[in-house]
Amino acid sequence: MNRSETLEQAELVITGERHDDYGDAKDNFTNIASGWSKIIDEAYRVHGEITPMHVALMMDWVKTCRLLNDIENEDSWVDKIGYSALGSEIAETYGQD
């Protein structure tokens, strides 16, 4: 797919199915920013950095915000579980490298 086709496809997605699934982008991004700010603040306060586990929490928060618009979206529920499982697995060995 060339760049023009990619841009056309992106336009169709963000003005169609994604808008329908997740609602207004500004509202969704505002909700995400609120949660991410809290996670980041606590990450630096407690750990002095953002760890991969914090990233798992932030990705989970994206899915939470999406579910606020469409609580029955099975993909988002599965993704939330997936991010938690990955975060847990990474936490088990984090810092051992």
Protein backbone atom coordinates (compact mmCIF):
# COMPACT_ATOMS: atom_id res chain seq x y z
CA MET A 1 0.00 0.00 0.00
CA ASN A 2 1.47 3.39 -0.92
CA ARG A 3 1.29 6.45 1.35
CA SER A 4 -1.80 7.89 -0.33
CA GLU A 5 -3.65 4.61 0.07
CA THR A 6 -2.49 4.38 3.68
CA LEU A 7 -3.77 7.89 4.40
CA GLU A 8 -7.11 7.12 2.75
CA GLN A 9 -7.45 3.92 4.80
CA ALA A 10 -6.57 5.77 8.01
CA GLU A 11 -9.21 8.42 7.27
CA LEU A 12 -11.86 5.76 6.79
CA VAL A 13 -10.91 4.08 10.07
CA ILE A 14 -10.73 7.17 12.29
CA THR A 15 -13.92 8.72 10.92
CA GLY A 16 -15.85 5.46 10.84
CA GLU A 17 -15.40 2.33 12.90
CA ARG A 18 -12.94 3.73 15.47
CA HIS A 19 -15.13 6.75 16.12
CA ASP A 20 -18.12 4.46 16.50
CA ASP A 21 -16.24 2.10 18.83
CA TYR A 22 -14.36 4.62 20.97
CA GLY A 23 -16.32 7.86 20.70
CA ASP A 24 -14.93 11.33 20.19
CA ALA A 25 -11.12 11.21 19.93
CA LYS A 26 -10.60 14.32 22.06
CA ASP A 27 -12.76 12.93 24.87
CA ASN A 28 -11.06 9.54 24.68
CA PHE A 29 -7.56 11.03 24.62
CA THR A 30 -8.44 13.32 27.54
CA ASN A 31 -9.49 10.31 29.61
CA ILE A 32 -6.33 8.46 28.63
CA ALA A 33 -4.15 11.47 29.52
CA SER A 34 -5.75 11.68 32.95
CA GLY A 35 -4.96 8.07 33.82
CA TRP A 36 -1.51 8.11 32.25
CA SER A 37 -0.61 11.23 34.24
CA LYS A 38 -1.44 9.46 37.49
CA ILE A 39 0.49 6.33 36.49
CA ILE A 40 3.52 8.36 35.40
CA ASP A 41 3.47 10.53 38.53
CA GLU A 42 3.41 7.46 40.77
CA ALA A 43 6.01 5.64 38.67
CA TYR A 44 8.49 8.47 39.17
CA ARG A 45 7.55 8.99 42.83
CA VAL A 46 7.88 5.33 43.78
CA HIS A 47 10.37 3.91 41.26
CA GLY A 48 12.16 6.94 39.86
CA GLU A 49 11.34 5.86 36.32
CA ILE A 50 8.68 4.42 34.06
CA THR A 51 9.17 0.66 33.92
CA PRO A 52 7.81 -1.83 31.39
CA MET A 53 5.21 -2.76 34.00
CA HIS A 54 4.01 0.85 34.04
CA VAL A 55 3.67 0.65 30.27
CA ALA A 56 1.45 -2.41 30.74
CA LEU A 57 -0.69 -0.37 33.15
CA MET A 58 -0.88 2.51 30.68
CA MET A 59 -1.92 0.21 27.84
CA ASP A 60 -4.54 -1.35 30.11
CA TRP A 61 -5.80 2.17 30.82
CA VAL A 62 -6.22 2.80 27.07
CA LYS A 63 -8.45 -0.25 26.90
CA THR A 64 -10.36 0.88 29.99
CA CYS A 65 -11.06 4.24 28.38
CA ARG A 66 -12.20 2.56 25.19
CA LEU A 67 -14.53 0.30 27.15
CA LEU A 68 -16.13 3.36 28.75
CA ASN A 69 -17.60 4.08 25.30
CA ASP A 70 -18.40 0.46 24.35
CA ILE A 71 -18.52 -1.71 27.48
CA GLU A 72 -19.31 -4.84 25.45
CA ASN A 73 -16.27 -4.68 23.15
CA GLU A 74 -14.79 -8.15 23.58
CA ASP A 75 -11.46 -7.25 21.96
CA SER A 76 -10.83 -4.54 24.55
CA TRP A 77 -11.63 -6.92 27.42
CA VAL A 78 -9.25 -9.52 25.99
CA ASP A 79 -6.56 -6.87 25.44
CA LYS A 80 -6.88 -5.66 29.07
CA ILE A 81 -6.29 -9.21 30.31
CA GLY A 82 -3.39 -9.59 27.89
CA TYR A 83 -1.67 -6.42 29.09
CA SER A 84 -2.07 -7.51 32.71
CA ALA A 85 -0.63 -10.94 31.95
CA LEU A 86 2.32 -9.42 30.11
CA GLY A 87 2.95 -6.91 32.89
CA SER A 88 2.88 -9.69 35.47
CA GLU A 89 5.30 -11.80 33.47
CA ILE A 90 7.71 -8.91 32.97
CA ALA A 91 7.53 -8.01 36.68
CA GLU A 92 8.62 -11.52 37.58
CA THR A 93 12.01 -11.08 35.92
CA TYR A 94 12.39 -7.29 35.78
CA GLY A 95 15.80 -6.07 36.84
CA GLN A 96 17.43 -9.48 36.51
CA ASP A 97 19.10 -8.64 33.18
